[in-house]
Amino acid sequence: MAAYYYFVSTLSTLFFDGTHAVSHAEFLETARRFVSKQDMELLEIAELMAPPLDDKKAKRAQASLVLNSYFSWERALRNELVRLRANRLKKQAELFYRPSLPEWNGQKTAQLVFAQENPLEAELLLERERWNYISMLEVNQFFNTEYLIAYCLKLQILERLKQFKKELGEANFTSLYNEVFHSARETTVLEK
């Protein structure tokens, strides 16, 4: 792995509860000027919520300890959420499982998130747990590709957190509720 002393030293420090100076897209654009082609491929694969299903990308991600570990964690988390949701709905979950190795931290996180009654609190908990797991993976990674991958993933978390607005959530809920209510009402009128 290459060392990127200059590039890393120009990046602002990221905090879960804080703002960030650069977007994920801007980060990738700047990275293209400083990192090798091979490392850039890893940064482009580093998608927070989309572990690669493509065999070529999945194999490429194995070149990074941070990325490979994170994707394993994310797959375990998603598989456990599928299992929990399927059990609640009394449906078969196997159709939605993705191949993965057991990863207990991801499964534990899914159980904690699933237990939340408030959807916003569940999402915030999920993002906090993602952040914590990535932070654990980046320990002792300085000025290298692994650090940049962790940084890239954390930027995506911060961008996702900016989308959580109480007013927008309430407006979406009200809109969806009204749509379902009117649809049910029309069905009742047609049946009479």
C-alpha atoms as a PDB file:
ATOM      1  CA  MET A   1       0.000   0.000   0.000  1.00  0.00           C
ATOM      2  CA  ALA A   2       1.231   3.417  -0.937  1.00  0.00           C
ATOM      3  CA  ALA A   3       1.697   6.287   1.503  1.00  0.00           C
ATOM      4  CA  TYR A   4      -0.215   9.487   0.876  1.00  0.00           C
ATOM      5  CA  TYR A   5       1.249  11.907   3.420  1.00  0.00           C
ATOM      6  CA  TYR A   6       0.328  15.096   1.599  1.00  0.00           C
ATOM      7  CA  PHE A   7      -3.198  14.094   0.592  1.00  0.00           C
ATOM      8  CA  VAL A   8      -4.174  12.740   4.007  1.00  0.00           C
ATOM      9  CA  SER A   9      -2.766  15.803   5.768  1.00  0.00           C
ATOM     10  CA  THR A  10      -5.080  18.044   3.689  1.00  0.00           C
ATOM     11  CA  LEU A  11      -8.224  16.198   4.792  1.00  0.00           C
ATOM     12  CA  SER A  12     -10.358  17.615   7.576  1.00  0.00           C
ATOM     13  CA  THR A  13     -11.003  15.523  10.667  1.00  0.00           C
ATOM     14  CA  LEU A  14     -14.397  13.835  10.631  1.00  0.00           C
ATOM     15  CA  PHE A  15     -16.698  13.599  13.637  1.00  0.00           C
ATOM     16  CA  PHE A  16     -19.930  11.611  13.726  1.00  0.00           C
ATOM     17  CA  ASP A  17     -21.925  14.491  15.180  1.00  0.00           C
ATOM     18  CA  GLY A  18     -20.185  17.142  13.118  1.00  0.00           C
ATOM     19  CA  THR A  19     -20.192  18.653   9.701  1.00  0.00           C
ATOM     20  CA  HIS A  20     -17.638  17.948   7.026  1.00  0.00           C
ATOM     21  CA  ALA A  21     -15.953  20.280   4.605  1.00  0.00           C
ATOM     22  CA  VAL A  22     -15.978  18.069   1.537  1.00  0.00           C
ATOM     23  CA  SER A  23     -18.582  15.840  -0.104  1.00  0.00           C
ATOM     24  CA  HIS A  24     -17.953  12.232  -1.034  1.00  0.00           C
ATOM     25  CA  ALA A  25     -17.924  13.158  -4.736  1.00  0.00           C
ATOM     26  CA  GLU A  26     -15.435  15.991  -4.135  1.00  0.00           C
ATOM     27  CA  PHE A  27     -13.248  13.651  -2.114  1.00  0.00           C
ATOM     28  CA  LEU A  28     -13.133  11.136  -4.966  1.00  0.00           C
ATOM     29  CA  GLU A  29     -12.377  13.889  -7.480  1.00  0.00           C
ATOM     30  CA  THR A  30      -9.460  15.145  -5.395  1.00  0.00           C
ATOM     31  CA  ALA A  31      -8.249  11.599  -4.751  1.00  0.00           C
ATOM     32  CA  ARG A  32      -7.912  11.007  -8.502  1.00  0.00           C
ATOM     33  CA  ARG A  33      -5.077  13.558  -8.492  1.00  0.00           C
ATOM     34  CA  PHE A  34      -3.152  11.971  -5.622  1.00  0.00           C
ATOM     35  CA  VAL A  35      -3.658   8.209  -5.481  1.00  0.00           C
ATOM     36  CA  SER A  36      -2.576   5.414  -7.766  1.00  0.00           C
ATOM     37  CA  LYS A  37      -4.960   3.861 -10.261  1.00  0.00           C
ATOM     38  CA  GLN A  38      -5.184   0.647  -8.201  1.00  0.00           C
ATOM     39  CA  ASP A  39      -5.956   2.537  -5.007  1.00  0.00           C
ATOM     40  CA  MET A  40      -8.506   4.691  -6.805  1.00  0.00           C
ATOM     41  CA  GLU A  41     -10.311   1.513  -7.867  1.00  0.00           C
ATOM     42  CA  LEU A  42     -10.595   0.572  -4.183  1.00  0.00           C
ATOM     43  CA  LEU A  43     -11.950   4.003  -3.269  1.00  0.00           C
ATOM     44  CA  GLU A  44     -14.566   3.735  -6.014  1.00  0.00           C
ATOM     45  CA  ILE A  45     -15.640   0.296  -4.751  1.00  0.00           C
ATOM     46  CA  ALA A  46     -15.928   1.649  -1.189  1.00  0.00           C
ATOM     47  CA  GLU A  47     -19.685   2.178  -1.183  1.00  0.00           C
ATOM     48  CA  LEU A  48     -21.251   2.381   2.236  1.00  0.00           C
ATOM     49  CA  MET A  49     -24.437   0.472   1.586  1.00  0.00           C
ATOM     50  CA  ALA A  50     -23.593  -1.607  -1.449  1.00  0.00           C
ATOM     51  CA  PRO A  51     -21.109  -4.420  -0.918  1.00  0.00           C
ATOM     52  CA  PRO A  52     -20.222  -5.525  -4.442  1.00  0.00           C
ATOM     53  CA  LEU A  53     -22.140  -8.459  -5.849  1.00  0.00           C
ATOM     54  CA  ASP A  54     -19.953  -8.443  -8.949  1.00  0.00           C
ATOM     55  CA  ASP A  55     -17.247 -11.110  -8.506  1.00  0.00           C
ATOM     56  CA  LYS A  56     -14.536  -8.926 -10.020  1.00  0.00           C
ATOM     57  CA  LYS A  57     -15.240  -6.019  -7.649  1.00  0.00           C
ATOM     58  CA  ALA A  58     -15.604  -8.342  -4.651  1.00  0.00           C
ATOM     59  CA  LYS A  59     -12.262  -9.934  -5.432  1.00  0.00           C
ATOM     60  CA  ARG A  60     -10.666  -6.492  -5.841  1.00  0.00           C
ATOM     61  CA  ALA A  61     -12.082  -5.397  -2.468  1.00  0.00           C
ATOM     62  CA  GLN A  62     -10.211  -8.276  -0.824  1.00  0.00           C
ATOM     63  CA  ALA A  63      -6.989  -6.341  -1.450  1.00  0.00           C
ATOM     64  CA  SER A  64      -8.015  -4.005   1.371  1.00  0.00           C
ATOM     65  CA  LEU A  65      -8.304  -5.161   4.970  1.00  0.00           C
ATOM     66  CA  VAL A  66     -10.667  -2.284   5.821  1.00  0.00           C
ATOM     67  CA  LEU A  67     -12.889  -2.738   2.781  1.00  0.00           C
ATOM     68  CA  ASN A  68     -13.024  -6.522   2.959  1.00  0.00           C
ATOM     69  CA  SER A  69     -13.823  -6.477   6.684  1.00  0.00           C
ATOM     70  CA  TYR A  70     -16.413  -3.739   6.295  1.00  0.00           C
ATOM     71  CA  PHE A  71     -18.181  -5.536   3.432  1.00  0.00           C
ATOM     72  CA  SER A  72     -18.243  -8.758   5.463  1.00  0.00           C
ATOM     73  CA  TRP A  73     -19.763  -6.843   8.391  1.00  0.00           C
ATOM     74  CA  GLU A  74     -22.332  -5.106   6.156  1.00  0.00           C
ATOM     75  CA  ARG A  75     -23.396  -8.382   4.506  1.00  0.00           C
ATOM     76  CA  ALA A  76     -23.839 -10.062   7.897  1.00  0.00           C
ATOM     77  CA  LEU A  77     -25.852  -7.065   9.099  1.00  0.00           C
ATOM     78  CA  ARG A  78     -28.107  -7.134   6.034  1.00  0.00           C
ATOM     79  CA  ASN A  79     -28.583 -10.908   6.186  1.00  0.00           C
ATOM     80  CA  GLU A  80     -29.566 -10.699   9.847  1.00  0.00           C
ATOM     81  CA  LEU A  81     -32.026  -7.865   9.110  1.00  0.00           C
ATOM     82  CA  VAL A  82     -33.536 -10.010   6.347  1.00  0.00           C
ATOM     83  CA  ARG A  83     -33.885 -12.920   8.757  1.00  0.00           C
ATOM     84  CA  LEU A  84     -35.465 -10.760  11.486  1.00  0.00           C
ATOM     85  CA  ARG A  85     -37.902  -9.059   9.101  1.00  0.00           C
ATOM     86  CA  ALA A  86     -38.861 -12.369   7.479  1.00  0.00           C
ATOM     87  CA  ASN A  87     -39.539 -13.912  10.902  1.00  0.00           C
ATOM     88  CA  ARG A  88     -41.745 -10.966  11.851  1.00  0.00           C
ATOM     89  CA  LEU A  89     -43.689 -11.253   8.579  1.00  0.00           C
ATOM     90  CA  LYS A  90     -43.659 -15.074   8.640  1.00  0.00           C
ATOM     91  CA  LYS A  91     -41.971 -15.207   5.219  1.00  0.00           C
ATOM     92  CA  GLN A  92     -39.015 -17.098   3.753  1.00  0.00           C
ATOM     93  CA  ALA A  93     -35.744 -15.171   4.014  1.00  0.00           C
ATOM     94  CA  GLU A  94     -33.421 -17.388   1.963  1.00  0.00           C
ATOM     95  CA  LEU A  95     -34.321 -15.670  -1.288  1.00  0.00           C
ATOM     96  CA  PHE A  96     -32.779 -12.419  -0.061  1.00  0.00           C
ATOM     97  CA  TYR A  97     -29.640 -13.726   1.626  1.00  0.00           C
ATOM     98  CA  ARG A  98     -26.279 -12.851   0.125  1.00  0.00           C
ATOM     99  CA  PRO A  99     -23.299 -15.167   0.480  1.00  0.00           C
ATOM    100  CA  SER A 100     -21.229 -14.176   3.490  1.00  0.00           C
ATOM    101  CA  LEU A 101     -19.137 -15.515   6.299  1.00  0.00           C
ATOM    102  CA  PRO A 102     -20.508 -15.263   9.828  1.00  0.00           C
ATOM    103  CA  GLU A 103     -19.676 -11.864  11.306  1.00  0.00           C
ATOM    104  CA  TRP A 104     -21.050 -11.574  14.829  1.00  0.00           C
ATOM    105  CA  ASN A 105     -20.647  -7.809  15.236  1.00  0.00           C
ATOM    106  CA  GLY A 106     -22.792  -7.209  12.149  1.00  0.00           C
ATOM    107  CA  GLN A 107     -25.465  -9.604  13.371  1.00  0.00           C
ATOM    108  CA  LYS A 108     -25.494  -8.018  16.836  1.00  0.00           C
ATOM    109  CA  THR A 109     -25.870  -4.562  15.280  1.00  0.00           C
ATOM    110  CA  ALA A 110     -28.807  -5.758  13.172  1.00  0.00           C
ATOM    111  CA  GLN A 111     -30.544  -7.086  16.278  1.00  0.00           C
ATOM    112  CA  LEU A 112     -30.034  -3.778  18.122  1.00  0.00           C
ATOM    113  CA  VAL A 113     -31.335  -1.778  15.157  1.00  0.00           C
ATOM    114  CA  PHE A 114     -34.307  -4.083  14.629  1.00  0.00           C
ATOM    115  CA  ALA A 115     -35.323  -3.709  18.286  1.00  0.00           C
ATOM    116  CA  GLN A 116     -35.760   0.063  17.895  1.00  0.00           C
ATOM    117  CA  GLU A 117     -39.395   1.152  17.676  1.00  0.00           C
ATOM    118  CA  ASN A 118     -38.668   4.587  16.225  1.00  0.00           C
ATOM    119  CA  PRO A 119     -37.435   4.333  12.586  1.00  0.00           C
ATOM    120  CA  LEU A 120     -35.306   7.489  12.890  1.00  0.00           C
ATOM    121  CA  GLU A 121     -33.629   6.199  16.043  1.00  0.00           C
ATOM    122  CA  ALA A 122     -33.014   2.878  14.283  1.00  0.00           C
ATOM    123  CA  GLU A 123     -31.333   4.627  11.341  1.00  0.00           C
ATOM    124  CA  LEU A 124     -29.221   6.816  13.631  1.00  0.00           C
ATOM    125  CA  LEU A 125     -28.161   3.770  15.647  1.00  0.00           C
ATOM    126  CA  LEU A 126     -27.260   1.931  12.448  1.00  0.00           C
ATOM    127  CA  GLU A 127     -25.109   4.796  11.201  1.00  0.00           C
ATOM    128  CA  ARG A 128     -23.436   5.153  14.620  1.00  0.00           C
ATOM    129  CA  GLU A 129     -22.612   1.434  14.621  1.00  0.00           C
ATOM    130  CA  ARG A 130     -21.256   1.644  11.060  1.00  0.00           C
ATOM    131  CA  TRP A 131     -19.088   4.580  12.116  1.00  0.00           C
ATOM    132  CA  ASN A 132     -17.799   2.718  15.179  1.00  0.00           C
ATOM    133  CA  TYR A 133     -16.968  -0.383  13.168  1.00  0.00           C
ATOM    134  CA  ILE A 134     -15.103   1.621  10.531  1.00  0.00           C
ATOM    135  CA  SER A 135     -13.258   3.506  13.290  1.00  0.00           C
ATOM    136  CA  MET A 136     -12.163   0.189  14.762  1.00  0.00           C
ATOM    137  CA  LEU A 137     -10.881  -0.936  11.354  1.00  0.00           C
ATOM    138  CA  GLU A 138      -8.881   2.245  10.805  1.00  0.00           C
ATOM    139  CA  VAL A 139      -6.888   1.949  14.037  1.00  0.00           C
ATOM    140  CA  ASN A 140      -3.169   2.202  13.233  1.00  0.00           C
ATOM    141  CA  GLN A 141      -3.865   3.171   9.635  1.00  0.00           C
ATOM    142  CA  PHE A 142      -2.085   6.435   8.861  1.00  0.00           C
ATOM    143  CA  PHE A 143      -1.446   8.130   5.522  1.00  0.00           C
ATOM    144  CA  ASN A 144      -2.274   4.997   3.531  1.00  0.00           C
ATOM    145  CA  THR A 145      -5.006   3.568   1.335  1.00  0.00           C
ATOM    146  CA  GLU A 146      -6.726   1.880   4.276  1.00  0.00           C
ATOM    147  CA  TYR A 147      -7.099   5.250   5.992  1.00  0.00           C
ATOM    148  CA  LEU A 148      -8.500   6.787   2.789  1.00  0.00           C
ATOM    149  CA  ILE A 149     -11.030   3.964   2.421  1.00  0.00           C
ATOM    150  CA  ALA A 150     -12.222   4.457   6.006  1.00  0.00           C
ATOM    151  CA  TYR A 151     -12.416   8.207   5.383  1.00  0.00           C
ATOM    152  CA  CYS A 152     -14.418   7.614   2.202  1.00  0.00           C
ATOM    153  CA  LEU A 153     -16.916   5.395   4.037  1.00  0.00           C
ATOM    154  CA  LYS A 154     -17.275   7.894   6.890  1.00  0.00           C
ATOM    155  CA  LEU A 155     -17.983  10.723   4.439  1.00  0.00           C
ATOM    156  CA  GLN A 156     -20.858   8.664   3.080  1.00  0.00           C
ATOM    157  CA  ILE A 157     -22.228   8.197   6.594  1.00  0.00           C
ATOM    158  CA  LEU A 158     -22.136  11.948   7.188  1.00  0.00           C
ATOM    159  CA  GLU A 159     -23.910  12.601   3.894  1.00  0.00           C
ATOM    160  CA  ARG A 160     -26.552  10.060   4.815  1.00  0.00           C
ATOM    161  CA  LEU A 161     -27.054  11.671   8.233  1.00  0.00           C
ATOM    162  CA  LYS A 162     -27.676  15.048   6.587  1.00  0.00           C
ATOM    163  CA  GLN A 163     -30.689  13.508   4.841  1.00  0.00           C
ATOM    164  CA  PHE A 164     -32.404  12.665   8.144  1.00  0.00           C
ATOM    165  CA  LYS A 165     -34.691  15.590   8.791  1.00  0.00           C
ATOM    166  CA  LYS A 166     -37.617  15.190  11.163  1.00  0.00           C
ATOM    167  CA  GLU A 167     -39.873  17.507   9.176  1.00  0.00           C
ATOM    168  CA  LEU A 168     -39.189  15.668   5.915  1.00  0.00           C
ATOM    169  CA  GLY A 169     -39.838  12.311   7.586  1.00  0.00           C
ATOM    170  CA  GLU A 170     -43.135  13.528   9.003  1.00  0.00           C
ATOM    171  CA  ALA A 171     -44.164  14.966   5.633  1.00  0.00           C
ATOM    172  CA  ASN A 172     -43.325  11.698   3.857  1.00  0.00           C
ATOM    173  CA  PHE A 173     -45.219   9.693   6.475  1.00  0.00           C
ATOM    174  CA  THR A 174     -48.283  11.947   6.189  1.00  0.00           C
ATOM    175  CA  SER A 175     -48.199  11.732   2.402  1.00  0.00           C
ATOM    176  CA  LEU A 176     -47.896   7.933   2.453  1.00  0.00           C
ATOM    177  CA  TYR A 177     -50.610   7.629   5.110  1.00  0.00           C
ATOM    178  CA  ASN A 178     -52.993   9.805   3.095  1.00  0.00           C
ATOM    179  CA  GLU A 179     -52.287   7.811  -0.061  1.00  0.00           C
ATOM    180  CA  VAL A 180     -53.014   4.503   1.683  1.00  0.00           C
ATOM    181  CA  PHE A 181     -56.081   5.938   3.433  1.00  0.00           C
ATOM    182  CA  HIS A 182     -57.590   7.292   0.195  1.00  0.00           C
ATOM    183  CA  SER A 183     -56.800   4.085  -1.659  1.00  0.00           C
ATOM    184  CA  ALA A 184     -58.521   2.009   1.036  1.00  0.00           C
ATOM    185  CA  ARG A 185     -61.491   4.375   1.036  1.00  0.00           C
ATOM    186  CA  GLU A 186     -61.889   4.127  -2.751  1.00  0.00           C
ATOM    187  CA  THR A 187     -61.726   0.331  -2.574  1.00  0.00           C
ATOM    188  CA  THR A 188     -64.469   0.326   0.091  1.00  0.00           C
ATOM    189  CA  VAL A 189     -66.703   2.602  -2.005  1.00  0.00           C
ATOM    190  CA  LEU A 190     -66.221   0.410  -5.097  1.00  0.00           C
ATOM    191  CA  GLU A 191     -67.114  -2.739  -3.157  1.00  0.00           C
ATOM    192  CA  LYS A 192     -70.474  -1.297  -2.043  1.00  0.00           C
END
